[in-house]
């Protein structure tokens, strides 16, 4: 499988959107990172940015 194949792996699109939404966030710890990722994923699933 190629390194990047969104047509074969739909998760690639999700990670692409998440990386774009996170931009240059800086977090102090792992729980902070998890909280931000969950928030961004919820917003992207509802269509909000």
N, C-alpha and C. Protein backbone atom coordinates (compact mmCIF):
# COMPACT_ATOMS: atom_id res chain seq x y z
N UNK A 1 0.85 -1.17 0.00
CA UNK A 1 0.00 0.00 0.00
C UNK A 1 0.90 1.24 0.00
N UNK A 2 0.58 2.24 -0.80
CA UNK A 2 1.37 3.47 -0.82
C UNK A 2 1.31 4.21 0.52
N UNK A 3 2.26 5.08 0.76
CA UNK A 3 2.31 5.83 2.02
C UNK A 3 1.10 6.73 2.20
N UNK A 4 0.61 7.32 1.12
CA UNK A 4 -0.55 8.20 1.20
C UNK A 4 -1.52 7.82 0.10
N UNK A 5 -2.62 7.21 0.46
CA UNK A 5 -3.61 6.78 -0.53
C UNK A 5 -5.01 7.01 0.04
N UNK A 6 -5.51 8.26 -0.01
CA UNK A 6 -6.82 8.55 0.59
C UNK A 6 -7.96 7.76 -0.04
N UNK A 7 -7.82 7.37 -1.31
CA UNK A 7 -8.88 6.58 -1.92
C UNK A 7 -8.94 5.17 -1.37
N UNK A 8 -7.84 4.69 -0.81
CA UNK A 8 -7.80 3.36 -0.20
C UNK A 8 -7.99 3.41 1.32
N UNK A 9 -7.74 4.56 1.91
CA UNK A 9 -7.82 4.71 3.36
C UNK A 9 -8.51 6.04 3.70
N UNK A 10 -9.81 6.03 3.95
CA UNK A 10 -10.55 7.27 4.23
C UNK A 10 -10.03 8.03 5.46
N UNK A 11 -9.34 7.34 6.36
CA UNK A 11 -8.80 8.02 7.55
C UNK A 11 -7.79 9.10 7.17
N UNK A 12 -7.16 8.96 6.02
CA UNK A 12 -6.19 9.97 5.58
C UNK A 12 -6.84 11.35 5.50
N UNK A 13 -8.07 11.41 5.01
CA UNK A 13 -8.78 12.67 4.92
C UNK A 13 -9.06 13.28 6.28
N UNK A 14 -9.40 12.42 7.24
CA UNK A 14 -9.67 12.90 8.60
C UNK A 14 -8.42 13.51 9.20
N UNK A 15 -7.29 12.81 9.07
CA UNK A 15 -6.03 13.33 9.63
C UNK A 15 -5.61 14.62 8.94
N UNK A 16 -5.87 14.71 7.64
CA UNK A 16 -5.54 15.93 6.92
C UNK A 16 -6.34 17.11 7.45
N UNK A 17 -7.64 16.90 7.65
CA UNK A 17 -8.48 17.97 8.21
C UNK A 17 -8.06 18.34 9.62
N UNK A 18 -7.73 17.33 10.42
CA UNK A 18 -7.33 17.58 11.80
C UNK A 18 -6.02 18.37 11.86
N UNK A 19 -5.06 18.01 11.04
CA UNK A 19 -3.78 18.73 11.03
C UNK A 19 -3.99 20.19 10.61
N UNK A 20 -4.85 20.39 9.62
CA UNK A 20 -5.12 21.76 9.16
C UNK A 20 -5.84 22.56 10.25
N UNK A 21 -6.78 21.94 10.95
CA UNK A 21 -7.55 22.63 11.99
C UNK A 21 -6.68 22.96 13.20
N UNK A 22 -5.69 22.12 13.49
CA UNK A 22 -4.86 22.33 14.68
C UNK A 22 -3.81 23.41 14.46
N UNK A 23 -3.38 23.59 13.23
CA UNK A 23 -2.42 24.64 12.93
C UNK A 23 -1.20 24.59 13.81
N UNK A 24 -0.97 25.65 14.55
CA UNK A 24 0.22 25.76 15.39
C UNK A 24 -0.11 25.72 16.87
N UNK A 25 -1.04 24.85 17.26
CA UNK A 25 -1.38 24.72 18.67
C UNK A 25 -0.17 24.23 19.46
N UNK A 26 -0.04 24.74 20.65
CA UNK A 26 1.00 24.27 21.57
C UNK A 26 0.28 23.83 22.85
N UNK A 27 0.59 22.64 23.30
CA UNK A 27 -0.03 22.13 24.52
C UNK A 27 1.05 21.83 25.55
N UNK A 28 0.67 21.90 26.80
CA UNK A 28 1.63 21.70 27.88
C UNK A 28 1.79 20.23 28.25
N UNK A 29 0.77 19.41 27.95
CA UNK A 29 0.83 18.02 28.37
C UNK A 29 -0.06 17.15 27.49
N UNK A 30 0.03 15.85 27.66
CA UNK A 30 -0.73 14.91 26.85
C UNK A 30 -2.24 15.06 27.03
N UNK A 31 -2.75 15.20 28.27
CA UNK A 31 -4.20 15.38 28.41
C UNK A 31 -4.71 16.63 27.67
N UNK A 32 -3.91 17.68 27.63
CA UNK A 32 -4.29 18.88 26.89
C UNK A 32 -4.38 18.61 25.40
N UNK A 33 -3.44 17.84 24.88
CA UNK A 33 -3.44 17.48 23.47
C UNK A 33 -4.67 16.63 23.14
N UNK A 34 -4.95 15.65 23.97
CA UNK A 34 -6.11 14.78 23.76
C UNK A 34 -7.40 15.60 23.78
N UNK A 35 -7.50 16.53 24.71
CA UNK A 35 -8.70 17.38 24.80
C UNK A 35 -8.90 18.20 23.53
N UNK A 36 -7.83 18.79 23.01
CA UNK A 36 -7.93 19.60 21.79
C UNK A 36 -8.29 18.72 20.59
N UNK A 37 -7.68 17.56 20.48
CA UNK A 37 -7.97 16.67 19.36
C UNK A 37 -9.44 16.24 19.39
N UNK A 38 -9.92 15.86 20.56
CA UNK A 38 -11.33 15.45 20.67
C UNK A 38 -12.26 16.59 20.30
N UNK A 39 -11.95 17.80 20.75
CA UNK A 39 -12.78 18.96 20.44
C UNK A 39 -12.81 19.20 18.93
N UNK A 40 -11.64 19.15 18.28
CA UNK A 40 -11.57 19.38 16.84
C UNK A 40 -12.30 18.29 16.07
N UNK A 41 -12.17 17.04 16.50
CA UNK A 41 -12.87 15.95 15.82
C UNK A 41 -14.38 16.09 15.96
N UNK A 42 -14.86 16.48 17.14
CA UNK A 42 -16.31 16.69 17.33
C UNK A 42 -16.80 17.80 16.42
N UNK A 43 -16.05 18.90 16.36
CA UNK A 43 -16.45 20.02 15.51
C UNK A 43 -16.45 19.65 14.04
N UNK A 44 -15.46 18.88 13.62
CA UNK A 44 -15.41 18.50 12.20
C UNK A 44 -16.53 17.53 11.86
N UNK A 45 -16.95 16.69 12.82
CA UNK A 45 -18.03 15.74 12.53
C UNK A 45 -19.39 16.41 12.47
N UNK A 46 -19.52 17.59 13.10
CA UNK A 46 -20.79 18.32 13.06
C UNK A 46 -20.79 19.36 11.95
N UNK A 47 -19.66 19.51 11.27
CA UNK A 47 -19.58 20.46 10.17
C UNK A 47 -19.14 21.85 10.57
N UNK A 48 -18.90 22.06 11.87
CA UNK A 48 -18.40 23.36 12.34
C UNK A 48 -16.88 23.37 12.29
N UNK A 49 -16.31 24.58 12.20
CA UNK A 49 -14.84 24.67 12.20
C UNK A 49 -14.36 25.49 13.36
